[in-house]
Protein backbone atom coordinates (compact mmCIF):
# COMPACT_ATOMS: atom_id res chain seq x y z
CA MET A 1 2.92 -14.44 13.05
CA ALA A 2 1.90 -12.45 9.97
CA VAL A 3 2.92 -13.77 6.58
CA LYS A 4 5.55 -11.47 5.07
CA LEU A 5 5.01 -10.56 1.44
CA CYS A 6 7.61 -8.79 -0.70
CA VAL A 7 6.09 -7.08 -3.76
CA ILE A 8 8.04 -6.29 -6.92
CA GLY A 9 5.95 -4.52 -9.50
CA ASP A 10 4.89 -1.32 -11.20
CA SER A 11 2.34 1.38 -10.44
CA ILE A 12 -0.53 -1.13 -10.47
CA THR A 13 0.78 -2.99 -7.43
CA GLY A 14 1.92 0.40 -6.13
CA GLY A 15 -1.74 1.45 -5.91
CA VAL A 16 -1.55 4.39 -8.31
CA ILE A 17 -4.75 5.88 -9.74
CA TYR A 18 -5.44 8.99 -11.80
CA ARG A 19 -7.66 11.56 -10.11
CA ASP A 20 -9.47 13.82 -12.54
CA ASP A 21 -10.37 16.35 -9.86
CA VAL A 22 -6.71 17.16 -9.17
CA GLY A 23 -5.37 16.24 -12.62
CA ARG A 24 -2.57 13.96 -11.48
CA TYR A 25 -1.62 10.49 -10.32
CA VAL A 26 -2.02 9.72 -6.63
CA LYS A 27 -1.75 6.70 -4.36
CA CYS A 28 -4.99 4.92 -3.55
CA ARG A 29 -5.17 4.15 0.16
CA ASP A 30 -7.49 1.21 -0.54
CA SER A 31 -5.35 -0.33 -3.27
CA PHE A 32 -5.86 -4.01 -3.97
CA VAL A 33 -2.53 -4.85 -2.29
CA ASN A 34 -3.51 -2.95 0.85
CA LEU A 35 -6.99 -4.50 0.86
CA LEU A 36 -5.53 -8.00 0.54
CA ALA A 37 -3.01 -7.26 3.29
CA SER A 38 -5.78 -6.11 5.58
CA ALA A 39 -8.03 -9.10 4.81
CA LEU A 40 -5.27 -11.68 5.29
CA GLY A 41 -3.15 -9.96 7.91
CA LEU A 42 -0.12 -9.74 5.62
CA ASP A 43 3.06 -7.82 6.41
CA VAL A 44 3.73 -6.22 3.02
CA HIS A 45 7.12 -4.89 1.89
CA ASN A 46 6.13 -3.09 -1.31
CA HIS A 47 8.92 -2.22 -3.76
CA SER A 48 6.65 -1.25 -6.65
CA ARG A 49 7.82 1.60 -8.86
CA PHE A 50 5.92 3.76 -11.34
CA GLY A 51 6.91 2.78 -14.89
CA CYS A 52 8.88 -0.29 -13.81
CA THR A 53 9.78 -2.77 -16.54
CA SER A 54 11.20 -6.27 -16.20
CA THR A 55 14.63 -4.93 -17.14
CA ALA A 56 14.49 -2.21 -14.48
CA ALA A 57 13.31 -4.68 -11.84
CA LEU A 58 16.14 -7.09 -12.66
CA GLU A 59 18.70 -4.28 -12.51
CA ARG A 60 17.41 -3.14 -9.10
CA LEU A 61 17.01 -6.60 -7.62
CA GLY A 62 20.08 -6.25 -5.41
CA ARG A 63 18.27 -3.56 -3.41
CA TYR A 64 15.55 -6.03 -2.47
CA GLU A 65 17.69 -9.06 -1.64
CA ARG A 66 17.21 -8.82 2.10
CA ASP A 67 13.44 -8.53 1.88
CA ILE A 68 13.26 -11.39 -0.60
CA ALA A 69 15.30 -13.61 1.69
CA GLU A 70 13.38 -12.65 4.83
CA CYS A 71 9.83 -12.57 3.44
CA ASP A 72 7.73 -15.71 3.15
CA TYR A 73 6.72 -14.90 -0.43
CA THR A 74 7.66 -12.52 -3.23
CA LEU A 75 4.85 -11.33 -5.49
CA VAL A 76 5.92 -10.27 -9.00
CA MET A 77 3.63 -8.29 -11.31
CA LEU A 78 5.25 -6.84 -14.45
CA GLY A 79 4.62 -6.56 -18.17
CA GLY A 80 2.32 -3.56 -18.52
CA ASN A 81 5.14 -1.08 -19.02
CA ASP A 82 7.25 -3.52 -21.02
CA CYS A 83 4.67 -3.66 -23.80
CA ASP A 84 4.15 0.11 -24.02
CA PHE A 85 5.47 2.36 -26.81
CA ASP A 86 6.85 5.87 -27.14
CA TRP A 87 3.62 7.16 -28.68
CA GLN A 88 4.98 10.49 -29.89
CA ARG A 89 7.66 8.64 -31.82
CA VAL A 90 5.05 6.23 -33.16
CA ALA A 91 2.80 9.08 -34.28
CA ALA A 92 5.69 10.78 -36.06
CA ALA A 93 6.52 7.68 -38.12
CA PRO A 94 3.53 5.32 -38.06
CA GLU A 95 4.65 3.36 -41.12
CA ALA A 96 8.11 2.65 -39.69
CA GLU A 97 9.02 -0.36 -37.60
CA GLN A 98 8.48 0.60 -33.98
CA ARG A 99 10.02 -0.99 -30.89
CA CYS A 100 8.14 -1.13 -27.61
CA ASN A 101 9.92 -0.71 -24.28
CA THR A 102 10.75 -4.42 -24.09
CA PRO A 103 10.17 -6.55 -27.21
CA ILE A 104 8.47 -9.85 -26.37
CA GLY A 105 11.56 -12.05 -26.80
CA LEU A 106 13.62 -9.82 -24.54
CA PHE A 107 10.73 -9.65 -22.07
CA ARG A 108 10.63 -13.42 -21.77
CA GLU A 109 14.38 -13.43 -21.17
CA THR A 110 14.43 -10.67 -18.56
CA TYR A 111 11.21 -11.69 -16.81
CA GLY A 112 12.36 -15.31 -16.67
CA GLY A 113 15.78 -14.16 -15.43
CA LEU A 114 14.09 -12.13 -12.70
CA LEU A 115 12.11 -15.16 -11.52
CA ASP A 116 15.26 -17.30 -11.53
CA SER A 117 17.21 -14.67 -9.60
CA ILE A 118 14.50 -14.38 -6.94
CA ALA A 119 14.40 -18.15 -6.59
CA ALA A 120 18.20 -18.23 -6.22
CA LEU A 121 17.86 -15.83 -3.29
CA GLY A 122 15.56 -18.30 -1.58
CA GLY A 123 12.35 -16.46 -2.42
CA ARG A 124 9.08 -18.35 -2.82
CA ILE A 125 7.53 -16.62 -5.80
CA ILE A 126 3.94 -15.80 -6.64
CA ALA A 127 3.53 -14.47 -10.19
CA MET A 128 0.67 -12.22 -11.25
CA ASN A 129 -0.33 -11.55 -14.84
CA PRO A 130 -0.81 -7.91 -15.91
CA ILE A 131 -4.32 -6.49 -15.95
CA PRO A 132 -5.88 -5.59 -19.31
CA VAL A 133 -5.61 -2.23 -21.04
CA PHE A 134 -8.87 -0.40 -21.74
CA GLY A 135 -7.84 0.24 -25.34
CA ARG A 136 -10.44 2.82 -26.35
CA ARG A 137 -9.80 4.93 -23.27
CA TYR A 138 -6.03 4.56 -23.46
CA PHE A 139 -6.06 5.72 -27.09
CA LYS A 140 -7.83 8.93 -26.03
CA TRP A 141 -5.27 9.38 -23.28
CA ILE A 142 -2.17 9.04 -25.46
CA SER A 143 -3.78 11.20 -28.15
CA ARG A 144 -3.57 14.19 -25.80
CA THR A 145 0.18 14.41 -26.48
CA ALA A 146 0.63 12.34 -29.65
CA ASP A 147 -1.09 12.89 -32.99
CA ALA A 148 -4.21 10.71 -32.93
CA GLU A 149 -4.25 10.13 -36.69
CA GLY A 150 -0.64 8.97 -36.71
CA VAL A 151 -1.17 6.67 -33.74
CA MET A 152 -4.27 5.15 -35.34
CA ARG A 153 -2.43 4.58 -38.62
CA PHE A 154 0.06 2.51 -36.62
CA LEU A 155 -2.55 0.66 -34.57
CA GLY A 156 -5.26 0.03 -37.12
CA SER A 157 -7.79 -0.10 -34.26
CA THR A 158 -7.77 0.27 -30.50
CA ASP A 159 -8.28 -3.50 -30.27
CA SER A 160 -4.64 -3.97 -31.20
CA ILE A 161 -3.58 -2.23 -27.96
CA GLU A 162 -5.48 -4.84 -25.97
CA HIS A 163 -4.19 -7.75 -28.07
CA TRP A 164 -0.59 -6.58 -27.73
CA ASN A 165 -0.97 -6.30 -23.96
CA GLU A 166 -2.51 -9.78 -23.85
CA MET A 167 0.59 -11.26 -25.50
CA TYR A 168 2.67 -10.15 -22.51
CA SER A 169 0.16 -11.60 -20.07
CA ILE A 170 0.42 -14.95 -21.85
CA ALA A 171 4.22 -14.74 -21.66
CA VAL A 172 4.04 -14.17 -17.89
CA MET A 173 1.80 -17.20 -17.47
CA GLN A 174 4.03 -19.39 -19.63
CA GLU A 175 7.28 -18.37 -17.92
CA ALA A 176 5.73 -18.97 -14.50
CA ALA A 177 4.28 -22.33 -15.52
CA ALA A 178 7.61 -23.47 -16.96
CA ARG A 179 9.14 -22.98 -13.51
CA GLY A 180 6.25 -24.39 -11.49
CA ILE A 181 5.52 -20.96 -10.02
CA PRO A 182 1.93 -20.36 -8.85
CA LEU A 183 0.02 -17.57 -10.59
CA LEU A 184 -2.59 -15.09 -9.38
CA ASP A 185 -4.92 -14.38 -12.28
CA ALA A 186 -5.46 -10.62 -12.00
CA ARG A 187 -6.49 -10.23 -15.62
CA SER A 188 -9.71 -12.19 -15.32
CA ALA A 189 -10.88 -9.86 -12.55
CA PHE A 190 -11.72 -7.46 -15.40
CA LEU A 191 -12.25 -9.73 -18.40
CA PHE A 192 -15.38 -11.42 -17.10
CA ARG A 193 -17.14 -8.06 -16.67
CA ARG A 194 -19.47 -6.69 -19.35
CA GLY A 195 -17.83 -3.27 -19.33
CA PHE A 196 -14.61 -1.68 -18.12
CA ASP A 197 -15.87 1.88 -17.61
CA PRO A 198 -16.20 1.97 -13.79
CA TYR A 199 -13.03 0.00 -13.18
CA PHE A 200 -10.34 2.08 -14.93
CA SER A 201 -8.94 5.55 -14.42
CA THR A 202 -9.19 8.10 -17.23
CA ASP A 203 -5.89 6.91 -18.69
CA GLY A 204 -7.27 3.42 -19.42
CA ILE A 205 -4.36 1.60 -17.79
CA HIS A 206 -4.61 2.21 -14.03
CA PRO A 207 -7.51 0.78 -12.07
CA SER A 208 -9.95 3.20 -10.48
CA PRO A 209 -10.76 2.82 -6.77
CA GLU A 210 -13.64 0.57 -7.90
CA GLY A 211 -11.14 -1.40 -9.98
CA HIS A 212 -8.87 -1.92 -7.00
CA ARG A 213 -11.79 -3.18 -4.93
CA ALA A 214 -12.89 -5.52 -7.71
CA LEU A 215 -9.34 -6.78 -8.10
CA SER A 216 -9.02 -7.40 -4.36
CA GLU A 217 -12.31 -9.28 -4.20
CA TYR A 218 -11.36 -11.47 -7.16
CA LEU A 219 -7.84 -12.24 -5.93
CA LEU A 220 -8.69 -12.84 -2.27
CA PRO A 221 -9.91 -16.45 -2.60
CA GLN A 222 -7.03 -17.24 -4.96
CA LEU A 223 -4.47 -15.94 -2.50
CA GLU A 224 -6.19 -17.61 0.45
CA ARG A 225 -6.03 -20.98 -1.30
CA LEU A 226 -2.44 -20.42 -2.38
CA LEU A 227 -1.17 -19.43 1.05
CA GLY A 228 -3.13 -22.25 2.64
CA ARG A 229 -1.72 -24.91 0.31
CA GLN A 230 1.85 -23.67 0.51
CA GLY A 231 1.62 -23.14 4.26
CA ALA A 232 0.44 -26.73 4.72
CA ALA A 233 3.25 -28.02 2.51
CA LEU A 234 5.85 -26.07 4.45
CA ASN A 235 4.52 -27.30 7.77
CA ALA A 236 4.55 -30.89 6.52
CA ALA A 237 8.13 -30.53 5.30
CA SER A 238 9.26 -29.23 8.66
């Protein structure tokens, strides 16, 4: 019988890419989730939503209760949208204190609450840290609609985008570790590479088709080991 996997996440787990030839976001048929499902014979129930934050996922959790209870595992990948800003507002007042979608303290609270709520429903959780942001490319993307000079006055450098995103990845890892929840390290699928250019869409935040393939290849042995260990433990317990 196929392992059932419930997925709660954002557009990354939803398989979204940006296609320059049509000038819009589209679903990638060979997303990393679909590639992993095909390789491992998983029955995936994907509840990923474009722009989803930890707060939104927690608020919508009731809609997924049945899948969480019936699936063997629930994969959670959030944080990328939580750490993002309203860049037009930032550009208009770069010297003012700016609040991202979910400040880090609130993120820890809501993300941790989401994990606890899934566990209370009987779900066996697999956490996944958010992938990096390609800061230089993302800056060009947001500067299409927000004043580049104002945004840069706020940032100081595009490196700060990447560092800010990294803080949320660390929070995910710490909240999962505190609960003994296994983690798939998606971030390192990109970090060990010498350059990000082929692996990200034009917006600098969504993987390209090549990025999805690289992510799948990197995560496959991790997920194989994880499902094998947990499957053995469950069989022994029964």
